[in-house]
Amino acid sequence: KEAQDLGYAEADPSADVDGYDASYK
């Protein structure tokens, strides 16, 4: 929630927290 409030995480954070973003990279 803090990451979302600061704009680091999206409202739907799944791309980041579920590892999709890192798997692309």
PDBML (XML) file of the C-alpha atoms, coordinates in Angstrom:
<?xml version="1.0" encoding="UTF-8" ?>
<PDBx:datablock datablockName="MODEL"
   xmlns:PDBx="http://pdbml.pdb.org/schema/pdbx-v50.xsd"
   xmlns:xsi="http://www.w3.org/2001/XMLSchema-instance"
   xsi:schemaLocation="http://pdbml.pdb.org/schema/pdbx-v50.xsd pdbx-v50.xsd">
   <PDBx:atom_siteCategory>
      <PDBx:atom_site id="1">
         <PDBx:B_iso_or_equiv>0.00</PDBx:B_iso_or_equiv>
         <PDBx:Cartn_x>0.000</PDBx:Cartn_x>
         <PDBx:Cartn_y>0.000</PDBx:Cartn_y>
         <PDBx:Cartn_z>0.000</PDBx:Cartn_z>
         <PDBx:auth_asym_id>A</PDBx:auth_asym_id>
         <PDBx:auth_atom_id>CA</PDBx:auth_atom_id>
         <PDBx:auth_comp_id>LYS</PDBx:auth_comp_id>
         <PDBx:auth_seq_id>1</PDBx:auth_seq_id>
         <PDBx:group_PDB>ATOM</PDBx:group_PDB>
         <PDBx:label_alt_id xsi:nil="true" />
         <PDBx:label_asym_id>A</PDBx:label_asym_id>
         <PDBx:label_atom_id>CA</PDBx:label_atom_id>
         <PDBx:label_comp_id>LYS</PDBx:label_comp_id>
         <PDBx:label_entity_id>1</PDBx:label_entity_id>
         <PDBx:label_seq_id>1</PDBx:label_seq_id>
         <PDBx:occupancy>1.00</PDBx:occupancy>
         <PDBx:pdbx_PDB_model_num>1</PDBx:pdbx_PDB_model_num>
         <PDBx:type_symbol>C</PDBx:type_symbol>
      </PDBx:atom_site>
      <PDBx:atom_site id="2">
         <PDBx:B_iso_or_equiv>0.00</PDBx:B_iso_or_equiv>
         <PDBx:Cartn_x>2.845</PDBx:Cartn_x>
         <PDBx:Cartn_y>2.384</PDBx:Cartn_y>
         <PDBx:Cartn_z>0.788</PDBx:Cartn_z>
         <PDBx:auth_asym_id>A</PDBx:auth_asym_id>
         <PDBx:auth_atom_id>CA</PDBx:auth_atom_id>
         <PDBx:auth_comp_id>GLU</PDBx:auth_comp_id>
         <PDBx:auth_seq_id>2</PDBx:auth_seq_id>
         <PDBx:group_PDB>ATOM</PDBx:group_PDB>
         <PDBx:label_alt_id xsi:nil="true" />
         <PDBx:label_asym_id>A</PDBx:label_asym_id>
         <PDBx:label_atom_id>CA</PDBx:label_atom_id>
         <PDBx:label_comp_id>GLU</PDBx:label_comp_id>
         <PDBx:label_entity_id>1</PDBx:label_entity_id>
         <PDBx:label_seq_id>2</PDBx:label_seq_id>
         <PDBx:occupancy>1.00</PDBx:occupancy>
         <PDBx:pdbx_PDB_model_num>1</PDBx:pdbx_PDB_model_num>
         <PDBx:type_symbol>C</PDBx:type_symbol>
      </PDBx:atom_site>
      <PDBx:atom_site id="3">
         <PDBx:B_iso_or_equiv>0.00</PDBx:B_iso_or_equiv>
         <PDBx:Cartn_x>4.444</PDBx:Cartn_x>
         <PDBx:Cartn_y>1.598</PDBx:Cartn_y>
         <PDBx:Cartn_z>-2.579</PDBx:Cartn_z>
         <PDBx:auth_asym_id>A</PDBx:auth_asym_id>
         <PDBx:auth_atom_id>CA</PDBx:auth_atom_id>
         <PDBx:auth_comp_id>ALA</PDBx:auth_comp_id>
         <PDBx:auth_seq_id>3</PDBx:auth_seq_id>
         <PDBx:group_PDB>ATOM</PDBx:group_PDB>
         <PDBx:label_alt_id xsi:nil="true" />
         <PDBx:label_asym_id>A</PDBx:label_asym_id>
         <PDBx:label_atom_id>CA</PDBx:label_atom_id>
         <PDBx:label_comp_id>ALA</PDBx:label_comp_id>
         <PDBx:label_entity_id>1</PDBx:label_entity_id>
         <PDBx:label_seq_id>3</PDBx:label_seq_id>
         <PDBx:occupancy>1.00</PDBx:occupancy>
         <PDBx:pdbx_PDB_model_num>1</PDBx:pdbx_PDB_model_num>
         <PDBx:type_symbol>C</PDBx:type_symbol>
      </PDBx:atom_site>
      <PDBx:atom_site id="4">
         <PDBx:B_iso_or_equiv>0.00</PDBx:B_iso_or_equiv>
         <PDBx:Cartn_x>1.110</PDBx:Cartn_x>
         <PDBx:Cartn_y>2.318</PDBx:Cartn_y>
         <PDBx:Cartn_z>-4.279</PDBx:Cartn_z>
         <PDBx:auth_asym_id>A</PDBx:auth_asym_id>
         <PDBx:auth_atom_id>CA</PDBx:auth_atom_id>
         <PDBx:auth_comp_id>GLN</PDBx:auth_comp_id>
         <PDBx:auth_seq_id>4</PDBx:auth_seq_id>
         <PDBx:group_PDB>ATOM</PDBx:group_PDB>
         <PDBx:label_alt_id xsi:nil="true" />
         <PDBx:label_asym_id>A</PDBx:label_asym_id>
         <PDBx:label_atom_id>CA</PDBx:label_atom_id>
         <PDBx:label_comp_id>GLN</PDBx:label_comp_id>
         <PDBx:label_entity_id>1</PDBx:label_entity_id>
         <PDBx:label_seq_id>4</PDBx:label_seq_id>
         <PDBx:occupancy>1.00</PDBx:occupancy>
         <PDBx:pdbx_PDB_model_num>1</PDBx:pdbx_PDB_model_num>
         <PDBx:type_symbol>C</PDBx:type_symbol>
      </PDBx:atom_site>
      <PDBx:atom_site id="5">
         <PDBx:B_iso_or_equiv>0.00</PDBx:B_iso_or_equiv>
         <PDBx:Cartn_x>0.663</PDBx:Cartn_x>
         <PDBx:Cartn_y>5.590</PDBx:Cartn_y>
         <PDBx:Cartn_z>-2.367</PDBx:Cartn_z>
         <PDBx:auth_asym_id>A</PDBx:auth_asym_id>
         <PDBx:auth_atom_id>CA</PDBx:auth_atom_id>
         <PDBx:auth_comp_id>ASP</PDBx:auth_comp_id>
         <PDBx:auth_seq_id>5</PDBx:auth_seq_id>
         <PDBx:group_PDB>ATOM</PDBx:group_PDB>
         <PDBx:label_alt_id xsi:nil="true" />
         <PDBx:label_asym_id>A</PDBx:label_asym_id>
         <PDBx:label_atom_id>CA</PDBx:label_atom_id>
         <PDBx:label_comp_id>ASP</PDBx:label_comp_id>
         <PDBx:label_entity_id>1</PDBx:label_entity_id>
         <PDBx:label_seq_id>5</PDBx:label_seq_id>
         <PDBx:occupancy>1.00</PDBx:occupancy>
         <PDBx:pdbx_PDB_model_num>1</PDBx:pdbx_PDB_model_num>
         <PDBx:type_symbol>C</PDBx:type_symbol>
      </PDBx:atom_site>
      <PDBx:atom_site id="6">
         <PDBx:B_iso_or_equiv>0.00</PDBx:B_iso_or_equiv>
         <PDBx:Cartn_x>4.132</PDBx:Cartn_x>
         <PDBx:Cartn_y>6.716</PDBx:Cartn_y>
         <PDBx:Cartn_z>-3.501</PDBx:Cartn_z>
         <PDBx:auth_asym_id>A</PDBx:auth_asym_id>
         <PDBx:auth_atom_id>CA</PDBx:auth_atom_id>
         <PDBx:auth_comp_id>LEU</PDBx:auth_comp_id>
         <PDBx:auth_seq_id>6</PDBx:auth_seq_id>
         <PDBx:group_PDB>ATOM</PDBx:group_PDB>
         <PDBx:label_alt_id xsi:nil="true" />
         <PDBx:label_asym_id>A</PDBx:label_asym_id>
         <PDBx:label_atom_id>CA</PDBx:label_atom_id>
         <PDBx:label_comp_id>LEU</PDBx:label_comp_id>
         <PDBx:label_entity_id>1</PDBx:label_entity_id>
         <PDBx:label_seq_id>6</PDBx:label_seq_id>
         <PDBx:occupancy>1.00</PDBx:occupancy>
         <PDBx:pdbx_PDB_model_num>1</PDBx:pdbx_PDB_model_num>
         <PDBx:type_symbol>C</PDBx:type_symbol>
      </PDBx:atom_site>
      <PDBx:atom_site id="7">
         <PDBx:B_iso_or_equiv>0.00</PDBx:B_iso_or_equiv>
         <PDBx:Cartn_x>3.484</PDBx:Cartn_x>
         <PDBx:Cartn_y>5.767</PDBx:Cartn_y>
         <PDBx:Cartn_z>-7.120</PDBx:Cartn_z>
         <PDBx:auth_asym_id>A</PDBx:auth_asym_id>
         <PDBx:auth_atom_id>CA</PDBx:auth_atom_id>
         <PDBx:auth_comp_id>GLY</PDBx:auth_comp_id>
         <PDBx:auth_seq_id>7</PDBx:auth_seq_id>
         <PDBx:group_PDB>ATOM</PDBx:group_PDB>
         <PDBx:label_alt_id xsi:nil="true" />
         <PDBx:label_asym_id>A</PDBx:label_asym_id>
         <PDBx:label_atom_id>CA</PDBx:label_atom_id>
         <PDBx:label_comp_id>GLY</PDBx:label_comp_id>
         <PDBx:label_entity_id>1</PDBx:label_entity_id>
         <PDBx:label_seq_id>7</PDBx:label_seq_id>
         <PDBx:occupancy>1.00</PDBx:occupancy>
         <PDBx:pdbx_PDB_model_num>1</PDBx:pdbx_PDB_model_num>
         <PDBx:type_symbol>C</PDBx:type_symbol>
      </PDBx:atom_site>
      <PDBx:atom_site id="8">
         <PDBx:B_iso_or_equiv>0.00</PDBx:B_iso_or_equiv>
         <PDBx:Cartn_x>5.991</PDBx:Cartn_x>
         <PDBx:Cartn_y>2.885</PDBx:Cartn_y>
         <PDBx:Cartn_z>-7.205</PDBx:Cartn_z>
         <PDBx:auth_asym_id>A</PDBx:auth_asym_id>
         <PDBx:auth_atom_id>CA</PDBx:auth_atom_id>
         <PDBx:auth_comp_id>TYR</PDBx:auth_comp_id>
         <PDBx:auth_seq_id>8</PDBx:auth_seq_id>
         <PDBx:group_PDB>ATOM</PDBx:group_PDB>
         <PDBx:label_alt_id xsi:nil="true" />
         <PDBx:label_asym_id>A</PDBx:label_asym_id>
         <PDBx:label_atom_id>CA</PDBx:label_atom_id>
         <PDBx:label_comp_id>TYR</PDBx:label_comp_id>
         <PDBx:label_entity_id>1</PDBx:label_entity_id>
         <PDBx:label_seq_id>8</PDBx:label_seq_id>
         <PDBx:occupancy>1.00</PDBx:occupancy>
         <PDBx:pdbx_PDB_model_num>1</PDBx:pdbx_PDB_model_num>
         <PDBx:type_symbol>C</PDBx:type_symbol>
      </PDBx:atom_site>
      <PDBx:atom_site id="9">
         <PDBx:B_iso_or_equiv>0.00</PDBx:B_iso_or_equiv>
         <PDBx:Cartn_x>3.223</PDBx:Cartn_x>
         <PDBx:Cartn_y>0.304</PDBx:Cartn_y>
         <PDBx:Cartn_z>-7.608</PDBx:Cartn_z>
         <PDBx:auth_asym_id>A</PDBx:auth_asym_id>
         <PDBx:auth_atom_id>CA</PDBx:auth_atom_id>
         <PDBx:auth_comp_id>ALA</PDBx:auth_comp_id>
         <PDBx:auth_seq_id>9</PDBx:auth_seq_id>
         <PDBx:group_PDB>ATOM</PDBx:group_PDB>
         <PDBx:label_alt_id xsi:nil="true" />
         <PDBx:label_asym_id>A</PDBx:label_asym_id>
         <PDBx:label_atom_id>CA</PDBx:label_atom_id>
         <PDBx:label_comp_id>ALA</PDBx:label_comp_id>
         <PDBx:label_entity_id>1</PDBx:label_entity_id>
         <PDBx:label_seq_id>9</PDBx:label_seq_id>
         <PDBx:occupancy>1.00</PDBx:occupancy>
         <PDBx:pdbx_PDB_model_num>1</PDBx:pdbx_PDB_model_num>
         <PDBx:type_symbol>C</PDBx:type_symbol>
      </PDBx:atom_site>
      <PDBx:atom_site id="10">
         <PDBx:B_iso_or_equiv>0.00</PDBx:B_iso_or_equiv>
         <PDBx:Cartn_x>0.153</PDBx:Cartn_x>
         <PDBx:Cartn_y>0.430</PDBx:Cartn_y>
         <PDBx:Cartn_z>-9.827</PDBx:Cartn_z>
         <PDBx:auth_asym_id>A</PDBx:auth_asym_id>
         <PDBx:auth_atom_id>CA</PDBx:auth_atom_id>
         <PDBx:auth_comp_id>GLU</PDBx:auth_comp_id>
         <PDBx:auth_seq_id>10</PDBx:auth_seq_id>
         <PDBx:group_PDB>ATOM</PDBx:group_PDB>
         <PDBx:label_alt_id xsi:nil="true" />
         <PDBx:label_asym_id>A</PDBx:label_asym_id>
         <PDBx:label_atom_id>CA</PDBx:label_atom_id>
         <PDBx:label_comp_id>GLU</PDBx:label_comp_id>
         <PDBx:label_entity_id>1</PDBx:label_entity_id>
         <PDBx:label_seq_id>10</PDBx:label_seq_id>
         <PDBx:occupancy>1.00</PDBx:occupancy>
         <PDBx:pdbx_PDB_model_num>1</PDBx:pdbx_PDB_model_num>
         <PDBx:type_symbol>C</PDBx:type_symbol>
      </PDBx:atom_site>
      <PDBx:atom_site id="11">
         <PDBx:B_iso_or_equiv>0.00</PDBx:B_iso_or_equiv>
         <PDBx:Cartn_x>-3.414</PDBx:Cartn_x>
         <PDBx:Cartn_y>0.057</PDBx:Cartn_y>
         <PDBx:Cartn_z>-8.523</PDBx:Cartn_z>
         <PDBx:auth_asym_id>A</PDBx:auth_asym_id>
         <PDBx:auth_atom_id>CA</PDBx:auth_atom_id>
         <PDBx:auth_comp_id>ALA</PDBx:auth_comp_id>
         <PDBx:auth_seq_id>11</PDBx:auth_seq_id>
         <PDBx:group_PDB>ATOM</PDBx:group_PDB>
         <PDBx:label_alt_id xsi:nil="true" />
         <PDBx:label_asym_id>A</PDBx:label_asym_id>
         <PDBx:label_atom_id>CA</PDBx:label_atom_id>
         <PDBx:label_comp_id>ALA</PDBx:label_comp_id>
         <PDBx:label_entity_id>1</PDBx:label_entity_id>
         <PDBx:label_seq_id>11</PDBx:label_seq_id>
         <PDBx:occupancy>1.00</PDBx:occupancy>
         <PDBx:pdbx_PDB_model_num>1</PDBx:pdbx_PDB_model_num>
         <PDBx:type_symbol>C</PDBx:type_symbol>
      </PDBx:atom_site>
      <PDBx:atom_site id="12">
         <PDBx:B_iso_or_equiv>0.00</PDBx:B_iso_or_equiv>
         <PDBx:Cartn_x>-3.185</PDBx:Cartn_x>
         <PDBx:Cartn_y>-3.444</PDBx:Cartn_y>
         <PDBx:Cartn_z>-10.013</PDBx:Cartn_z>
         <PDBx:auth_asym_id>A</PDBx:auth_asym_id>
         <PDBx:auth_atom_id>CA</PDBx:auth_atom_id>
         <PDBx:auth_comp_id>ASP</PDBx:auth_comp_id>
         <PDBx:auth_seq_id>12</PDBx:auth_seq_id>
         <PDBx:group_PDB>ATOM</PDBx:group_PDB>
         <PDBx:label_alt_id xsi:nil="true" />
         <PDBx:label_asym_id>A</PDBx:label_asym_id>
         <PDBx:label_atom_id>CA</PDBx:label_atom_id>
         <PDBx:label_comp_id>ASP</PDBx:label_comp_id>
         <PDBx:label_entity_id>1</PDBx:label_entity_id>
         <PDBx:label_seq_id>12</PDBx:label_seq_id>
         <PDBx:occupancy>1.00</PDBx:occupancy>
         <PDBx:pdbx_PDB_model_num>1</PDBx:pdbx_PDB_model_num>
         <PDBx:type_symbol>C</PDBx:type_symbol>
      </PDBx:atom_site>
      <PDBx:atom_site id="13">
         <PDBx:B_iso_or_equiv>0.00</PDBx:B_iso_or_equiv>
         <PDBx:Cartn_x>0.350</PDBx:Cartn_x>
         <PDBx:Cartn_y>-4.409</PDBx:Cartn_y>
         <PDBx:Cartn_z>-8.922</PDBx:Cartn_z>
         <PDBx:auth_asym_id>A</PDBx:auth_asym_id>
         <PDBx:auth_atom_id>CA</PDBx:auth_atom_id>
         <PDBx:auth_comp_id>PRO</PDBx:auth_comp_id>
         <PDBx:auth_seq_id>13</PDBx:auth_seq_id>
         <PDBx:group_PDB>ATOM</PDBx:group_PDB>
         <PDBx:label_alt_id xsi:nil="true" />
         <PDBx:label_asym_id>A</PDBx:label_asym_id>
         <PDBx:label_atom_id>CA</PDBx:label_atom_id>
         <PDBx:label_comp_id>PRO</PDBx:label_comp_id>
         <PDBx:label_entity_id>1</PDBx:label_entity_id>
         <PDBx:label_seq_id>13</PDBx:label_seq_id>
         <PDBx:occupancy>1.00</PDBx:occupancy>
         <PDBx:pdbx_PDB_model_num>1</PDBx:pdbx_PDB_model_num>
         <PDBx:type_symbol>C</PDBx:type_symbol>
      </PDBx:atom_site>
      <PDBx:atom_site id="14">
         <PDBx:B_iso_or_equiv>0.00</PDBx:B_iso_or_equiv>
         <PDBx:Cartn_x>0.353</PDBx:Cartn_x>
         <PDBx:Cartn_y>-7.918</PDBx:Cartn_y>
         <PDBx:Cartn_z>-10.388</PDBx:Cartn_z>
         <PDBx:auth_asym_id>A</PDBx:auth_asym_id>
         <PDBx:auth_atom_id>CA</PDBx:auth_atom_id>
         <PDBx:auth_comp_id>SER</PDBx:auth_comp_id>
         <PDBx:auth_seq_id>14</PDBx:auth_seq_id>
         <PDBx:group_PDB>ATOM</PDBx:group_PDB>
         <PDBx:label_alt_id xsi:nil="true" />
         <PDBx:label_asym_id>A</PDBx:label_asym_id>
         <PDBx:label_atom_id>CA</PDBx:label_atom_id>
         <PDBx:label_comp_id>SER</PDBx:label_comp_id>
         <PDBx:label_entity_id>1</PDBx:label_entity_id>
         <PDBx:label_seq_id>14</PDBx:label_seq_id>
         <PDBx:occupancy>1.00</PDBx:occupancy>
         <PDBx:pdbx_PDB_model_num>1</PDBx:pdbx_PDB_model_num>
         <PDBx:type_symbol>C</PDBx:type_symbol>
      </PDBx:atom_site>
      <PDBx:atom_site id="15">
         <PDBx:B_iso_or_equiv>0.00</PDBx:B_iso_or_equiv>
         <PDBx:Cartn_x>2.863</PDBx:Cartn_x>
         <PDBx:Cartn_y>-7.191</PDBx:Cartn_y>
         <PDBx:Cartn_z>-13.171</PDBx:Cartn_z>
         <PDBx:auth_asym_id>A</PDBx:auth_asym_id>
         <PDBx:auth_atom_id>CA</PDBx:auth_atom_id>
         <PDBx:auth_comp_id>ALA</PDBx:auth_comp_id>
         <PDBx:auth_seq_id>15</PDBx:auth_seq_id>
         <PDBx:group_PDB>ATOM</PDBx:group_PDB>
         <PDBx:label_alt_id xsi:nil="true" />
         <PDBx:label_asym_id>A</PDBx:label_asym_id>
         <PDBx:label_atom_id>CA</PDBx:label_atom_id>
         <PDBx:label_comp_id>ALA</PDBx:label_comp_id>
         <PDBx:label_entity_id>1</PDBx:label_entity_id>
         <PDBx:label_seq_id>15</PDBx:label_seq_id>
         <PDBx:occupancy>1.00</PDBx:occupancy>
         <PDBx:pdbx_PDB_model_num>1</PDBx:pdbx_PDB_model_num>
         <PDBx:type_symbol>C</PDBx:type_symbol>
      </PDBx:atom_site>
      <PDBx:atom_site id="16">
         <PDBx:B_iso_or_equiv>0.00</PDBx:B_iso_or_equiv>
         <PDBx:Cartn_x>5.429</PDBx:Cartn_x>
         <PDBx:Cartn_y>-6.318</PDBx:Cartn_y>
         <PDBx:Cartn_z>-10.518</PDBx:Cartn_z>
         <PDBx:auth_asym_id>A</PDBx:auth_asym_id>
         <PDBx:auth_atom_id>CA</PDBx:auth_atom_id>
         <PDBx:auth_comp_id>ASP</PDBx:auth_comp_id>
         <PDBx:auth_seq_id>16</PDBx:auth_seq_id>
         <PDBx:group_PDB>ATOM</PDBx:group_PDB>
         <PDBx:label_alt_id xsi:nil="true" />
         <PDBx:label_asym_id>A</PDBx:label_asym_id>
         <PDBx:label_atom_id>CA</PDBx:label_atom_id>
         <PDBx:label_comp_id>ASP</PDBx:label_comp_id>
         <PDBx:label_entity_id>1</PDBx:label_entity_id>
         <PDBx:label_seq_id>16</PDBx:label_seq_id>
         <PDBx:occupancy>1.00</PDBx:occupancy>
         <PDBx:pdbx_PDB_model_num>1</PDBx:pdbx_PDB_model_num>
         <PDBx:type_symbol>C</PDBx:type_symbol>
      </PDBx:atom_site>
      <PDBx:atom_site id="17">
         <PDBx:B_iso_or_equiv>0.00</PDBx:B_iso_or_equiv>
         <PDBx:Cartn_x>4.592</PDBx:Cartn_x>
         <PDBx:Cartn_y>-8.401</PDBx:Cartn_y>
         <PDBx:Cartn_z>-7.445</PDBx:Cartn_z>
         <PDBx:auth_asym_id>A</PDBx:auth_asym_id>
         <PDBx:auth_atom_id>CA</PDBx:auth_atom_id>
         <PDBx:auth_comp_id>VAL</PDBx:auth_comp_id>
         <PDBx:auth_seq_id>17</PDBx:auth_seq_id>
         <PDBx:group_PDB>ATOM</PDBx:group_PDB>
         <PDBx:label_alt_id xsi:nil="true" />
         <PDBx:label_asym_id>A</PDBx:label_asym_id>
         <PDBx:label_atom_id>CA</PDBx:label_atom_id>
         <PDBx:label_comp_id>VAL</PDBx:label_comp_id>
         <PDBx:label_entity_id>1</PDBx:label_entity_id>
         <PDBx:label_seq_id>17</PDBx:label_seq_id>
         <PDBx:occupancy>1.00</PDBx:occupancy>
         <PDBx:pdbx_PDB_model_num>1</PDBx:pdbx_PDB_model_num>
         <PDBx:type_symbol>C</PDBx:type_symbol>
      </PDBx:atom_site>
      <PDBx:atom_site id="18">
         <PDBx:B_iso_or_equiv>0.00</PDBx:B_iso_or_equiv>
         <PDBx:Cartn_x>3.791</PDBx:Cartn_x>
         <PDBx:Cartn_y>-11.584</PDBx:Cartn_y>
         <PDBx:Cartn_z>-9.391</PDBx:Cartn_z>
         <PDBx:auth_asym_id>A</PDBx:auth_asym_id>
         <PDBx:auth_atom_id>CA</PDBx:auth_atom_id>
         <PDBx:auth_comp_id>ASP</PDBx:auth_comp_id>
         <PDBx:auth_seq_id>18</PDBx:auth_seq_id>
         <PDBx:group_PDB>ATOM</PDBx:group_PDB>
         <PDBx:label_alt_id xsi:nil="true" />
         <PDBx:label_asym_id>A</PDBx:label_asym_id>
         <PDBx:label_atom_id>CA</PDBx:label_atom_id>
         <PDBx:label_comp_id>ASP</PDBx:label_comp_id>
         <PDBx:label_entity_id>1</PDBx:label_entity_id>
         <PDBx:label_seq_id>18</PDBx:label_seq_id>
         <PDBx:occupancy>1.00</PDBx:occupancy>
         <PDBx:pdbx_PDB_model_num>1</PDBx:pdbx_PDB_model_num>
         <PDBx:type_symbol>C</PDBx:type_symbol>
      </PDBx:atom_site>
      <PDBx:atom_site id="19">
         <PDBx:B_iso_or_equiv>0.00</PDBx:B_iso_or_equiv>
         <PDBx:Cartn_x>7.110</PDBx:Cartn_x>
         <PDBx:Cartn_y>-11.391</PDBx:Cartn_y>
         <PDBx:Cartn_z>-11.252</PDBx:Cartn_z>
         <PDBx:auth_asym_id>A</PDBx:auth_asym_id>
         <PDBx:auth_atom_id>CA</PDBx:auth_atom_id>
         <PDBx:auth_comp_id>GLY</PDBx:auth_comp_id>
         <PDBx:auth_seq_id>19</PDBx:auth_seq_id>
         <PDBx:group_PDB>ATOM</PDBx:group_PDB>
         <PDBx:label_alt_id xsi:nil="true" />
         <PDBx:label_asym_id>A</PDBx:label_asym_id>
         <PDBx:label_atom_id>CA</PDBx:label_atom_id>
         <PDBx:label_comp_id>GLY</PDBx:label_comp_id>
         <PDBx:label_entity_id>1</PDBx:label_entity_id>
         <PDBx:label_seq_id>19</PDBx:label_seq_id>
         <PDBx:occupancy>1.00</PDBx:occupancy>
         <PDBx:pdbx_PDB_model_num>1</PDBx:pdbx_PDB_model_num>
         <PDBx:type_symbol>C</PDBx:type_symbol>
      </PDBx:atom_site>
      <PDBx:atom_site id="20">
         <PDBx:B_iso_or_equiv>0.00</PDBx:B_iso_or_equiv>
         <PDBx:Cartn_x>5.854</PDBx:Cartn_x>
         <PDBx:Cartn_y>-10.760</PDBx:Cartn_y>
         <PDBx:Cartn_z>-14.801</PDBx:Cartn_z>
         <PDBx:auth_asym_id>A</PDBx:auth_asym_id>
         <PDBx:auth_atom_id>CA</PDBx:auth_atom_id>
         <PDBx:auth_comp_id>TYR</PDBx:auth_comp_id>
         <PDBx:auth_seq_id>20</PDBx:auth_seq_id>
         <PDBx:group_PDB>ATOM</PDBx:group_PDB>
         <PDBx:label_alt_id xsi:nil="true" />
         <PDBx:label_asym_id>A</PDBx:label_asym_id>
         <PDBx:label_atom_id>CA</PDBx:label_atom_id>
         <PDBx:label_comp_id>TYR</PDBx:label_comp_id>
         <PDBx:label_entity_id>1</PDBx:label_entity_id>
         <PDBx:label_seq_id>20</PDBx:label_seq_id>
         <PDBx:occupancy>1.00</PDBx:occupancy>
         <PDBx:pdbx_PDB_model_num>1</PDBx:pdbx_PDB_model_num>
         <PDBx:type_symbol>C</PDBx:type_symbol>
      </PDBx:atom_site>
      <PDBx:atom_site id="21">
         <PDBx:B_iso_or_equiv>0.00</PDBx:B_iso_or_equiv>
         <PDBx:Cartn_x>7.890</PDBx:Cartn_x>
         <PDBx:Cartn_y>-7.567</PDBx:Cartn_y>
         <PDBx:Cartn_z>-15.276</PDBx:Cartn_z>
         <PDBx:auth_asym_id>A</PDBx:auth_asym_id>
         <PDBx:auth_atom_id>CA</PDBx:auth_atom_id>
         <PDBx:auth_comp_id>ASP</PDBx:auth_comp_id>
         <PDBx:auth_seq_id>21</PDBx:auth_seq_id>
         <PDBx:group_PDB>ATOM</PDBx:group_PDB>
         <PDBx:label_alt_id xsi:nil="true" />
         <PDBx:label_asym_id>A</PDBx:label_asym_id>
         <PDBx:label_atom_id>CA</PDBx:label_atom_id>
         <PDBx:label_comp_id>ASP</PDBx:label_comp_id>
         <PDBx:label_entity_id>1</PDBx:label_entity_id>
         <PDBx:label_seq_id>21</PDBx:label_seq_id>
         <PDBx:occupancy>1.00</PDBx:occupancy>
         <PDBx:pdbx_PDB_model_num>1</PDBx:pdbx_PDB_model_num>
         <PDBx:type_symbol>C</PDBx:type_symbol>
      </PDBx:atom_site>
      <PDBx:atom_site id="22">
         <PDBx:B_iso_or_equiv>0.00</PDBx:B_iso_or_equiv>
         <PDBx:Cartn_x>11.080</PDBx:Cartn_x>
         <PDBx:Cartn_y>-9.258</PDBx:Cartn_y>
         <PDBx:Cartn_z>-14.085</PDBx:Cartn_z>
         <PDBx:auth_asym_id>A</PDBx:auth_asym_id>
         <PDBx:auth_atom_id>CA</PDBx:auth_atom_id>
         <PDBx:auth_comp_id>ALA</PDBx:auth_comp_id>
         <PDBx:auth_seq_id>22</PDBx:auth_seq_id>
         <PDBx:group_PDB>ATOM</PDBx:group_PDB>
         <PDBx:label_alt_id xsi:nil="true" />
         <PDBx:label_asym_id>A</PDBx:label_asym_id>
         <PDBx:label_atom_id>CA</PDBx:label_atom_id>
         <PDBx:label_comp_id>ALA</PDBx:label_comp_id>
         <PDBx:label_entity_id>1</PDBx:label_entity_id>
         <PDBx:label_seq_id>22</PDBx:label_seq_id>
         <PDBx:occupancy>1.00</PDBx:occupancy>
         <PDBx:pdbx_PDB_model_num>1</PDBx:pdbx_PDB_model_num>
         <PDBx:type_symbol>C</PDBx:type_symbol>
      </PDBx:atom_site>
      <PDBx:atom_site id="23">
         <PDBx:B_iso_or_equiv>0.00</PDBx:B_iso_or_equiv>
         <PDBx:Cartn_x>10.425</PDBx:Cartn_x>
         <PDBx:Cartn_y>-12.321</PDBx:Cartn_y>
         <PDBx:Cartn_z>-16.266</PDBx:Cartn_z>
         <PDBx:auth_asym_id>A</PDBx:auth_asym_id>
         <PDBx:auth_atom_id>CA</PDBx:auth_atom_id>
         <PDBx:auth_comp_id>SER</PDBx:auth_comp_id>
         <PDBx:auth_seq_id>23</PDBx:auth_seq_id>
         <PDBx:group_PDB>ATOM</PDBx:group_PDB>
         <PDBx:label_alt_id xsi:nil="true" />
         <PDBx:label_asym_id>A</PDBx:label_asym_id>
         <PDBx:label_atom_id>CA</PDBx:label_atom_id>
         <PDBx:label_comp_id>SER</PDBx:label_comp_id>
         <PDBx:label_entity_id>1</PDBx:label_entity_id>
         <PDBx:label_seq_id>23</PDBx:label_seq_id>
         <PDBx:occupancy>1.00</PDBx:occupancy>
         <PDBx:pdbx_PDB_model_num>1</PDBx:pdbx_PDB_model_num>
         <PDBx:type_symbol>C</PDBx:type_symbol>
      </PDBx:atom_site>
      <PDBx:atom_site id="24">
         <PDBx:B_iso_or_equiv>0.00</PDBx:B_iso_or_equiv>
         <PDBx:Cartn_x>10.226</PDBx:Cartn_x>
         <PDBx:Cartn_y>-10.141</PDBx:Cartn_y>
         <PDBx:Cartn_z>-19.408</PDBx:Cartn_z>
         <PDBx:auth_asym_id>A</PDBx:auth_asym_id>
         <PDBx:auth_atom_id>CA</PDBx:auth_atom_id>
         <PDBx:auth_comp_id>TYR</PDBx:auth_comp_id>
         <PDBx:auth_seq_id>24</PDBx:auth_seq_id>
         <PDBx:group_PDB>ATOM</PDBx:group_PDB>
         <PDBx:label_alt_id xsi:nil="true" />
         <PDBx:label_asym_id>A</PDBx:label_asym_id>
         <PDBx:label_atom_id>CA</PDBx:label_atom_id>
         <PDBx:label_comp_id>TYR</PDBx:label_comp_id>
         <PDBx:label_entity_id>1</PDBx:label_entity_id>
         <PDBx:label_seq_id>24</PDBx:label_seq_id>
         <PDBx:occupancy>1.00</PDBx:occupancy>
         <PDBx:pdbx_PDB_model_num>1</PDBx:pdbx_PDB_model_num>
         <PDBx:type_symbol>C</PDBx:type_symbol>
      </PDBx:atom_site>
      <PDBx:atom_site id="25">
         <PDBx:B_iso_or_equiv>0.00</PDBx:B_iso_or_equiv>
         <PDBx:Cartn_x>13.558</PDBx:Cartn_x>
         <PDBx:Cartn_y>-8.595</PDBx:Cartn_y>
         <PDBx:Cartn_z>-18.510</PDBx:Cartn_z>
         <PDBx:auth_asym_id>A</PDBx:auth_asym_id>
         <PDBx:auth_atom_id>CA</PDBx:auth_atom_id>
         <PDBx:auth_comp_id>LYS</PDBx:auth_comp_id>
         <PDBx:auth_seq_id>25</PDBx:auth_seq_id>
         <PDBx:group_PDB>ATOM</PDBx:group_PDB>
         <PDBx:label_alt_id xsi:nil="true" />
         <PDBx:label_asym_id>A</PDBx:label_asym_id>
         <PDBx:label_atom_id>CA</PDBx:label_atom_id>
         <PDBx:label_comp_id>LYS</PDBx:label_comp_id>
         <PDBx:label_entity_id>1</PDBx:label_entity_id>
         <PDBx:label_seq_id>25</PDBx:label_seq_id>
         <PDBx:occupancy>1.00</PDBx:occupancy>
         <PDBx:pdbx_PDB_model_num>1</PDBx:pdbx_PDB_model_num>
         <PDBx:type_symbol>C</PDBx:type_symbol>
      </PDBx:atom_site>
   </PDBx:atom_siteCategory>
</PDBx:datablock>
